[in-house]
Amino acid sequence: MAADDRLEDLLALRLREAHRRVRELPLSAEEKGRLARRYLAICDLAKRDPERAASRLETFIEGLDDTPRARENTLGD
């Protein structure tokens, strides 16, 4: 049970980080909307399957590294 709690805590922190990074990206409203929909799908999955959501979130965050100004975004708050 404790391992599940740690996974969920880490997942929550990473979701928060992803939200901040998407919000700060200098993209068009359409592009931000596309990323926001993907982010929300991951959040929804996290309620049912945290392990799978964590995997998808890592892929999502890696994709954010390929966006403009990615090097300017720092990890965490």
C-alpha atoms as a PDB file:
ATOM      1  CA  MET A   1       0.000   0.000   0.000  1.00  0.00           C
ATOM      2  CA  ALA A   2       2.831   2.429   0.803  1.00  0.00           C
ATOM      3  CA  ALA A   3       4.374   1.882  -2.632  1.00  0.00           C
ATOM      4  CA  ASP A   4       1.052   2.830  -4.227  1.00  0.00           C
ATOM      5  CA  ASP A   5       0.951   6.006  -2.143  1.00  0.00           C
ATOM      6  CA  ARG A   6       4.472   6.956  -3.234  1.00  0.00           C
ATOM      7  CA  LEU A   7       3.595   6.340  -6.891  1.00  0.00           C
ATOM      8  CA  GLU A   8       0.478   8.487  -6.571  1.00  0.00           C
ATOM      9  CA  ASP A   9       2.404  11.267  -4.801  1.00  0.00           C
ATOM     10  CA  LEU A  10       5.091  11.254  -7.490  1.00  0.00           C
ATOM     11  CA  LEU A  11       2.450  11.126 -10.206  1.00  0.00           C
ATOM     12  CA  ALA A  12       0.668  14.116  -8.672  1.00  0.00           C
ATOM     13  CA  LEU A  13       3.915  16.109  -8.612  1.00  0.00           C
ATOM     14  CA  ARG A  14       4.704  15.212 -12.221  1.00  0.00           C
ATOM     15  CA  LEU A  15       1.148  16.098 -13.323  1.00  0.00           C
ATOM     16  CA  ARG A  16       1.537  19.473 -11.661  1.00  0.00           C
ATOM     17  CA  GLU A  17       4.861  20.003 -13.421  1.00  0.00           C
ATOM     18  CA  ALA A  18       3.365  19.054 -16.798  1.00  0.00           C
ATOM     19  CA  HIS A  19       0.443  21.430 -16.268  1.00  0.00           C
ATOM     20  CA  ARG A  20       2.808  24.295 -15.480  1.00  0.00           C
ATOM     21  CA  ARG A  21       4.974  23.575 -18.498  1.00  0.00           C
ATOM     22  CA  VAL A  22       2.026  23.413 -20.906  1.00  0.00           C
ATOM     23  CA  ARG A  23       0.632  26.656 -19.494  1.00  0.00           C
ATOM     24  CA  GLU A  24       3.963  28.465 -19.987  1.00  0.00           C
ATOM     25  CA  LEU A  25       4.634  27.333 -23.556  1.00  0.00           C
ATOM     26  CA  PRO A  26       4.470  30.097 -26.176  1.00  0.00           C
ATOM     27  CA  LEU A  27       2.120  28.211 -28.489  1.00  0.00           C
ATOM     28  CA  SER A  28      -1.069  29.031 -30.350  1.00  0.00           C
ATOM     29  CA  ALA A  29      -4.376  28.458 -28.594  1.00  0.00           C
ATOM     30  CA  GLU A  30      -5.024  25.494 -30.896  1.00  0.00           C
ATOM     31  CA  GLU A  31      -1.721  23.833 -30.046  1.00  0.00           C
ATOM     32  CA  LYS A  32      -2.141  24.465 -26.315  1.00  0.00           C
ATOM     33  CA  GLY A  33      -5.654  23.029 -26.549  1.00  0.00           C
ATOM     34  CA  ARG A  34      -4.312  19.859 -28.142  1.00  0.00           C
ATOM     35  CA  LEU A  35      -1.730  19.458 -25.370  1.00  0.00           C
ATOM     36  CA  ALA A  36      -4.333  20.251 -22.712  1.00  0.00           C
ATOM     37  CA  ARG A  37      -6.624  17.502 -24.032  1.00  0.00           C
ATOM     38  CA  ARG A  38      -3.779  14.980 -23.889  1.00  0.00           C
ATOM     39  CA  TYR A  39      -2.943  16.139 -20.366  1.00  0.00           C
ATOM     40  CA  LEU A  40      -6.571  15.759 -19.244  1.00  0.00           C
ATOM     41  CA  ALA A  41      -6.717  12.258 -20.709  1.00  0.00           C
ATOM     42  CA  ILE A  42      -3.669  11.337 -18.620  1.00  0.00           C
ATOM     43  CA  CYS A  43      -5.285  12.862 -15.513  1.00  0.00           C
ATOM     44  CA  ASP A  44      -8.419  10.805 -16.135  1.00  0.00           C
ATOM     45  CA  LEU A  45      -6.364   7.640 -16.589  1.00  0.00           C
ATOM     46  CA  ALA A  46      -4.520   8.354 -13.324  1.00  0.00           C
ATOM     47  CA  LYS A  47      -7.779   7.825 -11.433  1.00  0.00           C
ATOM     48  CA  ARG A  48      -8.091   4.263 -12.735  1.00  0.00           C
ATOM     49  CA  ASP A  49      -4.553   3.101 -13.522  1.00  0.00           C
ATOM     50  CA  PRO A  50      -1.767   5.207 -11.942  1.00  0.00           C
ATOM     51  CA  GLU A  51       1.054   3.040 -13.322  1.00  0.00           C
ATOM     52  CA  ARG A  52      -0.123   3.356 -16.909  1.00  0.00           C
ATOM     53  CA  ALA A  53      -0.798   7.069 -16.416  1.00  0.00           C
ATOM     54  CA  ALA A  54       2.745   7.555 -15.104  1.00  0.00           C
ATOM     55  CA  SER A  55       4.132   5.905 -18.221  1.00  0.00           C
ATOM     56  CA  ARG A  56       2.026   8.063 -20.534  1.00  0.00           C
ATOM     57  CA  LEU A  57       2.898  11.173 -18.540  1.00  0.00           C
ATOM     58  CA  GLU A  58       6.620  10.553 -18.980  1.00  0.00           C
ATOM     59  CA  THR A  59       6.122  10.256 -22.732  1.00  0.00           C
ATOM     60  CA  PHE A  60       4.032  13.439 -22.694  1.00  0.00           C
ATOM     61  CA  ILE A  61       6.697  15.363 -20.749  1.00  0.00           C
ATOM     62  CA  GLU A  62       9.444  14.116 -23.076  1.00  0.00           C
ATOM     63  CA  GLY A  63       7.394  15.498 -25.967  1.00  0.00           C
ATOM     64  CA  LEU A  64       7.262  18.873 -24.249  1.00  0.00           C
ATOM     65  CA  ASP A  65      11.059  18.940 -24.371  1.00  0.00           C
ATOM     66  CA  ASP A  66      10.786  19.193 -28.164  1.00  0.00           C
ATOM     67  CA  THR A  67       8.689  22.362 -28.036  1.00  0.00           C
ATOM     68  CA  PRO A  68      10.024  25.910 -28.483  1.00  0.00           C
ATOM     69  CA  ARG A  69      11.719  27.397 -25.426  1.00  0.00           C
ATOM     70  CA  ALA A  70      11.879  23.981 -23.774  1.00  0.00           C
ATOM     71  CA  ARG A  71      15.378  24.683 -22.498  1.00  0.00           C
ATOM     72  CA  GLU A  72      14.081  27.765 -20.659  1.00  0.00           C
ATOM     73  CA  ASN A  73      11.550  25.734 -18.668  1.00  0.00           C
ATOM     74  CA  THR A  74      12.962  24.370 -15.445  1.00  0.00           C
ATOM     75  CA  LEU A  75      11.762  21.298 -13.619  1.00  0.00           C
ATOM     76  CA  GLY A  76       9.624  21.756 -10.534  1.00  0.00           C
ATOM     77  CA  ASP A  77       8.245  25.017  -9.209  1.00  0.00           C
END
